[in-house]
Protein backbone atom coordinates (compact mmCIF):
# COMPACT_ATOMS: atom_id res chain seq x y z
CA UNK A 1 25.54 -14.90 -9.95
CA UNK A 2 23.13 -12.06 -10.70
CA UNK A 3 20.24 -14.46 -11.22
CA UNK A 4 17.13 -13.28 -9.40
CA UNK A 5 16.30 -16.19 -7.14
CA UNK A 6 12.88 -14.73 -6.41
CA UNK A 7 11.82 -15.66 -9.97
CA UNK A 8 12.08 -19.37 -9.14
CA UNK A 9 9.18 -20.48 -6.90
CA UNK A 10 11.20 -23.23 -5.21
CA UNK A 11 13.78 -20.67 -4.13
CA UNK A 12 11.52 -17.99 -2.75
CA UNK A 13 12.10 -16.76 0.77
CA UNK A 14 11.08 -19.09 3.60
CA UNK A 15 9.57 -16.01 5.23
CA UNK A 16 7.00 -15.92 2.42
CA UNK A 17 5.90 -19.42 3.36
CA UNK A 18 6.90 -21.07 0.06
CA UNK A 19 9.90 -22.98 1.39
CA UNK A 20 10.09 -24.92 4.63
CA UNK A 21 13.72 -25.33 5.62
CA UNK A 22 15.86 -25.37 8.72
CA UNK A 23 18.86 -23.92 6.86
CA UNK A 24 18.38 -20.69 8.78
CA UNK A 25 17.59 -22.26 12.15
CA UNK A 26 19.98 -22.74 15.05
CA UNK A 27 22.02 -25.94 15.15
CA UNK A 28 24.40 -27.71 17.52
CA UNK A 29 27.99 -28.13 16.34
CA UNK A 30 30.44 -29.68 18.76
CA UNK A 31 30.48 -27.53 21.89
CA UNK A 32 28.45 -24.72 20.35
CA UNK A 33 25.00 -23.69 19.23
CA UNK A 34 25.24 -21.81 15.94
CA UNK A 35 22.79 -19.18 14.69
CA UNK A 36 22.17 -21.07 11.43
CA UNK A 37 23.48 -23.91 9.25
CA UNK A 38 25.31 -21.58 6.87
CA UNK A 39 29.11 -21.81 7.00
CA UNK A 40 31.56 -19.38 5.46
CA UNK A 41 34.20 -21.63 3.92
CA UNK A 42 37.91 -20.79 4.25
CA UNK A 43 39.00 -18.52 1.40
CA UNK A 44 42.59 -17.55 0.66
CA UNK A 45 42.59 -13.85 -0.21
CA UNK A 46 46.26 -12.90 0.47
CA UNK A 47 45.47 -9.73 2.44
CA UNK A 48 47.78 -10.34 5.43
CA UNK A 49 51.03 -8.43 5.83
CA UNK A 50 54.25 -9.68 4.27
CA UNK A 51 55.05 -11.17 7.70
CA UNK A 52 51.75 -13.07 7.77
CA UNK A 53 50.09 -10.77 10.31
CA UNK A 54 46.29 -10.36 9.97
CA UNK A 55 45.33 -6.73 9.33
CA UNK A 56 42.54 -4.44 10.47
CA UNK A 57 41.09 -4.76 6.96
CA UNK A 58 40.80 -8.51 7.51
CA UNK A 59 38.92 -7.86 10.75
CA UNK A 60 36.47 -5.67 8.83
CA UNK A 61 36.09 -8.29 6.07
CA UNK A 62 35.21 -11.08 8.47
CA UNK A 63 32.93 -8.93 10.61
CA UNK A 64 30.95 -8.04 7.48
CA UNK A 65 30.27 -11.75 6.96
CA UNK A 66 29.49 -12.65 10.56
CA UNK A 67 25.83 -13.48 10.02
CA UNK A 68 27.11 -16.95 9.05
CA UNK A 69 26.49 -19.49 11.77
CA UNK A 70 30.15 -20.45 11.55
CA UNK A 71 33.10 -18.77 9.87
CA UNK A 72 36.07 -20.97 9.04
CA UNK A 73 38.90 -18.49 8.67
CA UNK A 74 41.19 -18.81 5.69
CA UNK A 75 44.06 -21.29 5.51
CA UNK A 76 46.59 -20.20 8.13
CA UNK A 77 50.20 -21.34 8.06
CA UNK A 78 51.31 -23.41 11.06
CA UNK A 79 54.98 -22.57 10.41
CA UNK A 80 57.21 -20.66 7.97
CA UNK A 81 57.81 -23.94 6.15
CA UNK A 82 54.04 -24.44 5.76
CA UNK A 83 53.67 -21.27 3.67
CA UNK A 84 52.86 -21.58 -0.02
CA UNK A 85 51.27 -18.27 -1.00
CA UNK A 86 52.37 -14.68 -0.51
CA UNK A 87 50.56 -12.53 2.07
CA UNK A 88 48.77 -15.44 3.70
CA UNK A 89 48.40 -15.30 7.48
CA UNK A 90 50.28 -17.42 9.96
CA UNK A 91 49.68 -18.37 13.55
CA UNK A 92 53.20 -19.06 14.80
CA UNK A 93 54.36 -15.62 16.03
CA UNK A 94 53.15 -13.30 18.77
CA UNK A 95 52.27 -10.56 16.28
CA UNK A 96 50.22 -12.98 14.21
CA UNK A 97 48.29 -14.10 17.29
CA UNK A 98 47.61 -10.47 18.21
CA UNK A 99 46.42 -9.73 14.68
CA UNK A 100 44.06 -12.70 14.75
CA UNK A 101 42.73 -11.61 18.15
CA UNK A 102 41.44 -8.41 16.54
CA UNK A 103 39.70 -10.52 13.91
CA UNK A 104 38.06 -12.92 16.37
CA UNK A 105 36.89 -10.04 18.55
CA UNK A 106 35.27 -8.39 15.54
CA UNK A 107 33.48 -11.63 14.60
CA UNK A 108 32.34 -12.37 18.15
CA UNK A 109 31.10 -8.80 18.41
CA UNK A 110 28.65 -9.62 15.61
CA UNK A 111 27.49 -12.84 17.27
CA UNK A 112 29.15 -15.53 15.15
CA UNK A 113 31.57 -18.35 15.88
CA UNK A 114 34.93 -18.75 14.14
CA UNK A 115 37.34 -21.65 13.69
CA UNK A 116 40.74 -21.23 12.05
CA UNK A 117 41.94 -23.58 9.31
CA UNK A 118 45.40 -24.94 10.16
CA UNK A 119 47.45 -25.25 6.98
CA UNK A 120 50.74 -26.73 5.83
CA UNK A 121 50.97 -26.65 2.04
CA UNK A 122 53.77 -29.19 1.69
CA UNK A 123 55.01 -29.23 -1.91
CA UNK A 124 52.59 -26.49 -3.13
CA UNK A 125 55.10 -23.74 -2.47
CA UNK A 126 58.16 -22.07 -3.95
CA UNK A 127 61.67 -21.48 -2.57
CA UNK A 128 61.02 -17.72 -2.58
CA UNK A 129 58.40 -18.34 0.13
CA UNK A 130 60.47 -20.77 2.19
CA UNK A 131 62.98 -19.99 4.97
CA UNK A 132 66.43 -19.44 3.47
CA UNK A 133 65.12 -20.25 -0.01
CA UNK A 134 64.86 -23.96 0.79
CA UNK A 135 62.92 -26.43 -1.28
CA UNK A 136 59.36 -27.12 -0.10
CA UNK A 137 58.83 -30.47 1.62
CA UNK A 138 56.52 -33.38 0.91
CA UNK A 139 56.14 -37.07 1.78
CA UNK A 140 57.92 -37.94 -1.48
CA UNK A 141 60.04 -36.02 -3.98
CA UNK A 142 57.39 -35.79 -6.71
CA UNK A 143 56.95 -32.54 -8.63
CA UNK A 144 53.35 -31.29 -8.83
CA UNK A 145 51.86 -29.70 -11.91
CA UNK A 146 50.79 -26.67 -9.91
CA UNK A 147 51.65 -23.06 -9.18
CA UNK A 148 52.29 -21.03 -6.06
CA UNK A 149 51.29 -17.37 -5.60
CA UNK A 150 54.53 -15.50 -4.87
CA UNK A 151 55.46 -11.85 -4.45
CA UNK A 152 55.91 -11.59 -8.23
CA UNK A 153 52.81 -13.58 -9.18
CA UNK A 154 52.14 -17.25 -9.80
CA UNK A 155 55.22 -19.43 -10.27
CA UNK A 156 55.53 -23.12 -11.05
CA UNK A 157 56.17 -25.45 -8.14
CA UNK A 158 59.43 -27.39 -8.11
CA UNK A 159 60.31 -30.93 -7.10
CA UNK A 160 60.07 -30.94 -3.27
CA UNK A 161 62.38 -32.52 -0.75
CA UNK A 162 61.10 -35.70 0.86
CA UNK A 163 60.74 -35.35 4.62
CA UNK A 164 62.93 -37.54 6.79
CA UNK A 165 61.00 -39.75 9.20
CA UNK A 166 62.39 -37.91 12.22
CA UNK A 167 61.13 -34.55 10.87
CA UNK A 168 57.47 -35.55 10.87
CA UNK A 169 56.89 -35.41 14.66
CA UNK A 170 58.30 -31.87 14.52
CA UNK A 171 55.52 -30.90 12.10
CA UNK A 172 52.92 -32.54 14.37
CA UNK A 173 54.31 -30.32 17.15
CA UNK A 174 53.82 -27.27 14.92
CA UNK A 175 50.10 -28.09 14.67
CA UNK A 176 49.95 -28.41 18.45
CA UNK A 177 51.55 -25.01 18.97
CA UNK A 178 49.33 -23.48 16.28
CA UNK A 179 46.30 -24.81 18.16
CA UNK A 180 47.51 -23.29 21.43
CA UNK A 181 48.05 -20.00 19.61
CA UNK A 182 44.58 -20.21 18.06
CA UNK A 183 43.01 -20.44 21.52
CA UNK A 184 45.12 -17.49 22.68
CA UNK A 185 43.87 -15.55 19.66
CA UNK A 186 40.25 -16.19 20.65
CA UNK A 187 39.25 -18.77 18.06
CA UNK A 188 36.38 -21.06 19.04
CA UNK A 189 38.09 -24.05 17.46
CA UNK A 190 40.33 -25.27 14.65
CA UNK A 191 39.91 -27.05 11.35
CA UNK A 192 42.72 -29.34 10.16
CA UNK A 193 43.22 -28.86 6.42
CA UNK A 194 43.64 -32.34 4.98
CA UNK A 195 42.34 -31.48 1.51
CA UNK A 196 43.14 -29.81 -1.83
CA UNK A 197 46.48 -31.48 -2.43
CA UNK A 198 48.31 -29.93 0.53
CA UNK A 199 50.69 -31.72 2.89
CA UNK A 200 48.30 -33.96 4.82
CA UNK A 201 46.53 -35.11 1.68
CA UNK A 202 49.90 -35.68 0.03
CA UNK A 203 50.49 -38.25 2.77
CA UNK A 204 47.01 -39.78 2.41
CA UNK A 205 47.09 -40.59 -1.31
CA UNK A 206 49.23 -43.33 -2.81
CA UNK A 207 49.76 -41.17 -5.90
CA UNK A 208 51.87 -38.72 -3.88
CA UNK A 209 53.11 -40.91 -1.03
CA UNK A 210 55.74 -43.44 -2.11
CA UNK A 211 57.35 -43.77 1.30
CA UNK A 212 58.52 -47.10 2.72
CA UNK A 213 58.65 -46.07 6.39
CA UNK A 214 55.85 -45.96 8.98
CA UNK A 215 54.19 -43.08 7.09
CA UNK A 216 53.86 -44.79 3.71
CA UNK A 217 52.70 -47.93 1.94
CA UNK A 218 49.41 -49.23 3.30
CA UNK A 219 46.47 -46.89 3.78
CA UNK A 220 46.88 -47.33 7.53
CA UNK A 221 50.41 -45.98 7.31
CA UNK A 222 49.49 -43.20 4.87
CA UNK A 223 46.77 -42.03 7.25
CA UNK A 224 49.12 -42.03 10.22
CA UNK A 225 50.24 -38.40 9.82
CA UNK A 226 46.68 -37.04 9.71
CA UNK A 227 45.63 -39.15 12.67
CA UNK A 228 48.67 -38.12 14.72
CA UNK A 229 48.02 -34.45 13.96
CA UNK A 230 44.33 -34.73 14.80
CA UNK A 231 44.85 -36.60 18.06
CA UNK A 232 47.49 -34.10 19.12
CA UNK A 233 45.24 -31.13 18.31
CA UNK A 234 42.31 -32.70 20.17
CA UNK A 235 44.53 -33.14 23.23
CA UNK A 236 45.02 -29.36 23.30
CA UNK A 237 41.52 -28.00 22.78
CA UNK A 238 39.07 -30.89 23.06
CA UNK A 239 37.30 -32.86 20.33
CA UNK A 240 34.21 -30.62 20.31
CA UNK A 241 36.33 -27.75 18.99
CA UNK A 242 38.05 -29.62 16.14
CA UNK A 243 37.02 -30.35 12.56
CA UNK A 244 38.81 -31.98 9.62
CA UNK A 245 38.52 -31.04 5.96
CA UNK A 246 38.81 -33.73 3.26
CA UNK A 247 38.58 -33.73 -0.54
CA UNK A 248 38.48 -37.44 -1.43
CA UNK A 249 38.23 -37.13 -5.22
CA UNK A 250 39.53 -33.64 -5.99
CA UNK A 251 42.60 -33.30 -8.22
CA UNK A 252 43.50 -29.66 -7.61
CA UNK A 253 47.09 -28.58 -7.07
CA UNK A 254 48.32 -31.38 -9.29
CA UNK A 255 47.51 -34.21 -6.90
CA UNK A 256 46.71 -37.47 -8.62
CA UNK A 257 43.81 -39.65 -7.55
CA UNK A 258 44.25 -42.34 -4.94
CA UNK A 259 44.10 -45.84 -6.40
CA UNK A 260 41.15 -46.72 -4.12
CA UNK A 261 39.69 -43.49 -2.72
CA UNK A 262 36.63 -45.16 -1.21
CA UNK A 263 38.74 -47.57 0.84
CA UNK A 264 41.29 -44.90 1.80
CA UNK A 265 38.85 -42.24 2.92
CA UNK A 266 36.40 -44.69 4.50
CA UNK A 267 39.31 -45.88 6.65
CA UNK A 268 40.18 -42.27 7.52
CA UNK A 269 36.60 -41.51 8.58
CA UNK A 270 36.46 -44.71 10.65
CA UNK A 271 39.57 -43.68 12.53
CA UNK A 272 38.42 -40.08 13.00
CA UNK A 273 35.18 -41.35 14.54
CA UNK A 274 37.17 -42.61 17.51
CA UNK A 275 38.14 -39.00 18.30
CA UNK A 276 34.52 -37.68 18.47
CA UNK A 277 35.27 -34.58 16.40
CA UNK A 278 32.86 -31.68 16.02
CA UNK A 279 32.60 -32.05 12.25
CA UNK A 280 33.85 -33.43 8.96
CA UNK A 281 34.08 -30.84 6.16
CA UNK A 282 33.99 -32.53 2.73
CA UNK A 283 34.62 -31.03 -0.69
CA UNK A 284 32.18 -32.88 -2.91
CA UNK A 285 33.70 -33.47 -6.35
CA UNK A 286 36.55 -31.43 -7.80
CA UNK A 287 37.41 -28.29 -5.82
CA UNK A 288 35.84 -25.29 -7.61
CA UNK A 289 34.86 -27.71 -10.38
CA UNK A 290 32.33 -30.45 -11.18
CA UNK A 291 30.47 -31.90 -8.24
CA UNK A 292 30.30 -35.40 -9.74
CA UNK A 293 32.64 -37.89 -8.08
CA UNK A 294 34.63 -39.82 -10.68
CA UNK A 295 34.40 -43.60 -10.59
CA UNK A 296 30.97 -43.56 -9.01
CA UNK A 297 32.28 -42.82 -5.50
CA UNK A 298 29.21 -42.03 -3.41
CA UNK A 299 30.35 -39.34 -0.97
CA UNK A 300 27.20 -39.93 1.05
CA UNK A 301 28.87 -43.11 2.27
CA UNK A 302 31.29 -40.90 4.19
CA UNK A 303 28.45 -38.70 5.44
CA UNK A 304 26.62 -41.76 6.79
CA UNK A 305 29.79 -43.27 8.26
CA UNK A 306 30.87 -40.16 10.16
CA UNK A 307 29.33 -39.85 13.63
CA UNK A 308 29.67 -36.07 13.99
CA UNK A 309 28.26 -33.20 11.94
CA UNK A 310 28.87 -33.22 8.19
CA UNK A 311 29.60 -29.93 6.41
CA UNK A 312 29.10 -30.12 2.64
CA UNK A 313 31.11 -27.89 0.30
CA UNK A 314 31.57 -27.18 -3.40
CA UNK A 315 29.41 -25.17 -5.72
CA UNK A 316 26.46 -24.80 -3.39
CA UNK A 317 23.79 -22.23 -4.16
CA UNK A 318 20.45 -21.80 -2.43
CA UNK A 319 18.72 -24.48 -4.50
CA UNK A 320 21.38 -27.09 -3.76
CA UNK A 321 21.50 -26.13 -0.10
CA UNK A 322 17.74 -26.49 0.29
CA UNK A 323 17.85 -29.86 -1.45
CA UNK A 324 20.67 -31.03 0.82
CA UNK A 325 18.65 -30.19 3.92
CA UNK A 326 15.40 -31.48 2.47
CA UNK A 327 16.99 -34.91 1.90
CA UNK A 328 19.30 -34.76 4.93
CA UNK A 329 22.42 -34.97 2.77
CA UNK A 330 24.38 -32.60 5.03
CA UNK A 331 24.06 -31.00 8.45
CA UNK A 332 25.57 -27.65 7.44
CA UNK A 333 26.39 -26.08 4.09
CA UNK A 334 29.63 -24.23 3.38
CA UNK A 335 29.59 -21.44 0.83
CA UNK A 336 32.90 -20.21 -0.55
CA UNK A 337 32.97 -18.10 -3.69
CA UNK A 338 29.49 -16.67 -3.02
CA UNK A 339 30.89 -15.14 0.18
CA UNK A 340 33.54 -13.18 -1.70
CA UNK A 341 31.04 -10.74 -3.20
CA UNK A 342 28.16 -11.12 -0.76
CA UNK A 343 29.05 -10.18 2.80
CA UNK A 344 25.38 -10.49 3.76
CA UNK A 345 24.97 -13.88 2.09
CA UNK A 346 22.75 -15.32 4.83
CA UNK A 347 20.32 -12.41 4.51
CA UNK A 348 20.34 -12.63 0.69
CA UNK A 349 19.72 -16.38 0.68
CA UNK A 350 16.98 -16.03 3.28
CA UNK A 351 15.29 -13.32 1.22
CA UNK A 352 15.86 -15.04 -2.13
CA UNK A 353 17.58 -11.83 -3.25
CA UNK A 354 19.96 -11.32 -6.20
CA UNK A 355 23.66 -11.86 -5.57
CA UNK A 356 26.58 -9.57 -6.32
CA UNK A 357 29.01 -10.82 -8.96
CA UNK A 358 32.64 -11.14 -7.79
CA UNK A 359 35.60 -9.36 -9.35
CA UNK A 360 38.01 -12.22 -10.07
CA UNK A 361 40.88 -9.81 -10.64
CA UNK A 362 40.85 -8.94 -6.93
CA UNK A 363 40.66 -12.47 -5.50
CA UNK A 364 44.33 -12.56 -4.42
CA UNK A 365 46.21 -9.63 -2.94
CA UNK A 366 45.49 -5.93 -3.09
CA UNK A 367 43.48 -3.66 -0.86
CA UNK A 368 39.86 -2.96 -0.04
CA UNK A 369 38.68 -3.11 -3.66
CA UNK A 370 37.01 -6.46 -4.22
CA UNK A 371 37.46 -7.29 -0.54
CA UNK A 372 35.52 -5.05 1.83
CA UNK A 373 33.66 -2.83 -0.65
CA UNK A 374 30.90 -5.17 -1.86
CA UNK A 375 27.46 -3.70 -1.07
CA UNK A 376 24.91 -5.18 1.32
CA UNK A 377 21.17 -5.16 0.77
CA UNK A 378 20.68 -3.46 4.13
CA UNK A 379 23.03 -2.25 6.85
CA UNK A 380 24.79 -5.26 8.42
CA UNK A 381 22.76 -6.86 11.19
CA UNK A 382 23.86 -8.76 14.24
CA UNK A 383 23.56 -12.52 14.02
CA UNK A 384 20.73 -14.04 16.01
CA UNK A 385 20.34 -13.84 19.77
CA UNK A 386 23.24 -14.29 22.19
CA UNK A 387 25.09 -17.54 21.66
CA UNK A 388 24.76 -20.43 24.05
CA UNK A 389 28.22 -21.02 25.44
């Protein structure tokens, strides 16, 4: 990450006239005009209180990174049952909403927009994180080969309890209330987390969904939960303030591949089109791993099929981002791990400047070290001119 991008002519600063790109230009996304096409991807850092309340340190962290055109705040639990990692924030109590309001005010004060990622982990949890020590829930009682970050460190996940059919509308209602709370907290919109092996994706894939009711079997039935959640969320805040995150071929968190991912996720995108969402956020390849899609699945088929904005994610650096815009492979580019150590990532990318290396030992939990203490090239600047509302 310390590579000097200025040494590569193709990556020199657009301000020097060597690269012509609109990566740093304003762009429309749903109801909003963003300052640039750079997105801060949601990053679990486990810095909330034990009760899931966002802290003043989190407000500082996000404000430092507010030159991004859009910030997608970290995965945020829609209910106590949806929690799978210690010290992750929620959005189901009054104190959590108040904590998030301080964060959104800090981000808006720097001129950026912020959506919150709504998260139910499903089986990727541990009884120590669940109400009354209960088993985590999932579409089917299949044990994942995965771990959950608990108060005493990472622990292996257990075999979950399969949800009863009548419980599923209750979880849809939790997403609805979380969306209402997000608006109260000042978020500009919400992202529905349907990726990375968490609950919604557990319903989508036939490797983790063995149900025989209306939520399992055919791809139409397996997609039902996601589509019900999305339609319900849209009814609360409007389609132009809603995005969905997918990871069609990723195998993180022990989720097996779908038997026909192209058919499954093409169907999902078709159905989402009817809702006129602001964006589709796609993890290209294996989350935090290879970008190649196994089986020759061309993810650009989803990009071309979706009628809203397409946010590309996974392993992007400046070179890849410029290529994506040059060939119109994505509308916006989400950067994840680069944002951990580079609060002024937009400015560094624009200048072709070297990047700070992250301290992996401080990724999850802890205090300011490895969180708010990474240096900037220059004092933080406001994002571009006042936003168009």
